[in-house]
């Protein structure tokens, strides 16, 4: 079976969204700080862009799941929940 045909569980998608969202926030905070050396700034911005792209891809997957499973929390509920 091809890996591309394997569908992650709802929980796996939720955990990925929450984890990547957290990493995006951390990366944004890091880039806003004075801790990033000038020579690393471009690379760190690329990392942020890749994290944001991954986040959006999982959000797209989750939106499809929401259409199929009305018991899942909305995206807003998911992202605004306190864990």
Protein backbone atom coordinates (compact mmCIF):
# COMPACT_ATOMS: atom_id res chain seq x y z
CA UNK A 1 0.00 0.00 0.00
CA UNK A 2 1.26 3.44 -0.91
CA UNK A 3 1.81 5.88 1.95
CA UNK A 4 -0.13 8.54 0.07
CA UNK A 5 -3.25 6.34 0.31
CA UNK A 6 -3.07 6.07 4.08
CA UNK A 7 -5.53 8.41 5.74
CA UNK A 8 -4.58 9.73 9.18
CA UNK A 9 -7.14 9.45 11.96
CA UNK A 10 -9.10 12.48 13.10
CA UNK A 11 -7.05 12.53 16.31
CA UNK A 12 -3.78 12.50 14.37
CA UNK A 13 -4.96 15.45 12.26
CA UNK A 14 -6.07 17.34 15.38
CA UNK A 15 -2.75 16.73 17.13
CA UNK A 16 -0.83 17.79 14.02
CA UNK A 17 -2.83 21.03 13.73
CA UNK A 18 -2.32 21.88 17.38
CA UNK A 19 1.38 21.01 17.34
CA UNK A 20 2.13 22.92 14.15
CA UNK A 21 0.06 25.89 15.32
CA UNK A 22 2.16 25.98 18.48
CA UNK A 23 5.38 25.79 16.46
CA UNK A 24 4.22 28.63 14.19
CA UNK A 25 3.58 30.80 17.25
CA UNK A 26 6.99 29.97 18.71
CA UNK A 27 8.73 30.70 15.40
CA UNK A 28 6.92 34.03 15.04
CA UNK A 29 7.92 34.99 18.59
CA UNK A 30 11.50 33.99 17.88
CA UNK A 31 11.60 36.06 14.69
CA UNK A 32 10.13 39.05 16.52
CA UNK A 33 12.84 38.85 19.16
CA UNK A 34 16.37 40.19 19.05
CA UNK A 35 17.73 36.64 19.40
CA UNK A 36 17.90 35.86 15.67
CA UNK A 37 21.31 36.61 14.19
CA UNK A 38 21.06 38.61 10.97
CA UNK A 39 22.75 35.86 8.99
CA UNK A 40 20.07 33.37 10.12
CA UNK A 41 17.00 35.55 9.56
CA UNK A 42 16.30 34.41 5.98
CA UNK A 43 16.55 30.76 6.96
CA UNK A 44 14.29 31.28 9.97
CA UNK A 45 11.73 33.05 7.78
CA UNK A 46 11.76 30.07 5.40
CA UNK A 47 11.16 27.75 8.33
CA UNK A 48 8.15 29.87 9.34
CA UNK A 49 6.78 29.76 5.79
CA UNK A 50 7.12 25.97 5.69
CA UNK A 51 5.40 25.61 9.06
CA UNK A 52 2.56 27.86 7.93
CA UNK A 53 2.19 25.83 4.72
CA UNK A 54 2.06 22.57 6.67
CA UNK A 55 -0.51 24.09 9.03
CA UNK A 56 -2.74 25.12 6.13
CA UNK A 57 -2.50 21.68 4.55
CA UNK A 58 -3.68 20.04 7.78
CA UNK A 59 -6.44 22.65 8.12
CA UNK A 60 -7.64 21.71 4.64
CA UNK A 61 -7.72 18.04 5.64
CA UNK A 62 -9.59 18.92 8.84
CA UNK A 63 -12.18 20.97 6.95
CA UNK A 64 -12.93 17.92 4.80
CA UNK A 65 -13.26 15.80 7.95
CA UNK A 66 -15.66 18.35 9.46
CA UNK A 67 -17.99 17.93 6.51
CA UNK A 68 -18.02 14.17 7.09
CA UNK A 69 -18.08 14.11 10.91
CA UNK A 70 -20.34 16.69 12.54
CA UNK A 71 -19.19 15.59 16.03
CA UNK A 72 -15.76 17.18 15.55
CA UNK A 73 -15.18 20.61 17.07
CA UNK A 74 -15.13 23.53 14.67
CA UNK A 75 -11.73 24.81 13.68
CA UNK A 76 -12.24 27.91 15.87
CA UNK A 77 -13.19 25.74 18.85
CA UNK A 78 -10.16 23.56 18.26
CA UNK A 79 -7.69 26.42 17.98
CA UNK A 80 -9.15 28.43 20.87
CA UNK A 81 -9.50 25.56 23.32
CA UNK A 82 -7.31 25.42 26.40
CA UNK A 83 -5.47 22.12 26.69
